[in-house]
Protein backbone atom coordinates (compact mmCIF):
# COMPACT_ATOMS: atom_id res chain seq x y z
CA MET A 1 -79.09 278.93 175.46
CA SER A 2 -81.62 279.43 172.54
CA GLY A 3 -83.80 276.95 170.81
CA LYS A 4 -85.59 274.00 172.39
CA PRO A 5 -84.89 273.45 176.17
CA VAL A 6 -82.63 270.56 176.97
CA ILE A 7 -84.07 268.61 179.88
CA PRO A 8 -81.60 265.88 181.00
CA THR A 9 -83.04 262.77 182.80
CA ARG A 10 -82.30 262.05 186.34
CA MET A 11 -79.91 259.34 185.22
CA ALA A 12 -78.12 261.80 182.91
CA GLU A 13 -77.76 264.28 185.78
CA ARG A 14 -76.51 261.57 188.03
CA ASP A 15 -73.93 260.47 185.45
CA VAL A 16 -72.68 264.19 185.18
CA GLU A 17 -72.49 264.50 188.98
CA ASP A 18 -70.65 261.13 189.25
CA GLU A 19 -68.11 262.20 186.70
CA VAL A 20 -67.51 265.56 188.30
CA SER A 21 -67.12 263.87 191.70
CA TYR A 22 -64.61 261.49 190.26
CA CYS A 23 -62.56 264.26 188.85
CA LEU A 24 -62.68 266.17 192.13
CA ALA A 25 -61.64 263.12 194.19
CA ASP A 26 -58.30 263.26 192.40
CA LYS A 27 -56.29 266.17 193.93
CA GLY A 28 -55.38 268.64 191.20
CA ALA A 29 -58.11 267.53 188.88
CA GLU A 30 -60.30 270.55 189.38
CA GLN A 31 -59.51 271.76 185.83
CA ALA A 32 -60.66 268.46 184.39
CA ALA A 33 -63.92 268.79 186.28
CA LEU A 34 -64.38 272.38 185.00
CA GLY A 35 -63.56 271.32 181.50
CA PHE A 36 -65.94 268.50 181.67
CA ILE A 37 -68.72 270.87 182.82
CA ALA A 38 -67.94 273.31 180.05
CA ASP A 39 -68.15 270.48 177.48
CA ILE A 40 -71.51 269.33 178.79
CA GLU A 41 -72.83 272.94 178.63
CA LYS A 42 -71.53 273.25 175.04
CA SER A 43 -73.26 269.92 174.17
CA TYR A 44 -76.53 271.07 175.63
CA GLY A 45 -76.31 274.29 173.64
CA ARG A 46 -75.74 272.31 170.38
CA LEU A 47 -78.71 270.04 171.29
CA ALA A 48 -80.93 273.02 172.03
CA LYS A 49 -80.16 274.54 168.61
CA ASP A 50 -80.56 271.28 166.67
CA PRO A 51 -82.58 268.74 168.74
CA HIS A 52 -82.92 266.37 165.81
CA ILE A 53 -79.21 265.56 165.54
CA GLY A 54 -78.28 261.92 166.06
CA SER A 55 -79.80 258.65 165.05
CA PRO A 56 -83.32 257.57 166.27
CA ARG A 57 -82.24 253.82 165.95
CA TYR A 58 -82.52 253.09 169.72
CA THR A 59 -85.88 254.84 169.90
CA TYR A 60 -87.34 251.83 168.16
CA GLU A 61 -85.13 249.12 169.72
CA LEU A 62 -85.65 250.43 173.29
CA ASP A 63 -89.14 251.85 172.78
CA ILE A 64 -88.13 255.23 174.28
CA PRO A 65 -89.90 257.89 172.30
CA GLY A 66 -87.66 260.74 171.21
CA LEU A 67 -84.34 259.04 172.09
CA ARG A 68 -81.42 259.87 169.76
CA SER A 69 -77.82 258.83 170.03
């Protein structure tokens, strides 16, 4: 991954772990879990290359500096 490092919050990490656990709880859904992980990694790569994508709207509404959605 090149560019700015992507540092997920603990809550974001927990969300990813919960989703992977949910997929793995369903027998035969290992491919779904692997696909989800691949998509997350792809998204992190895109964010690293262009960290200013997305709208800063909620930065102001929630008073969380740097937040984009």
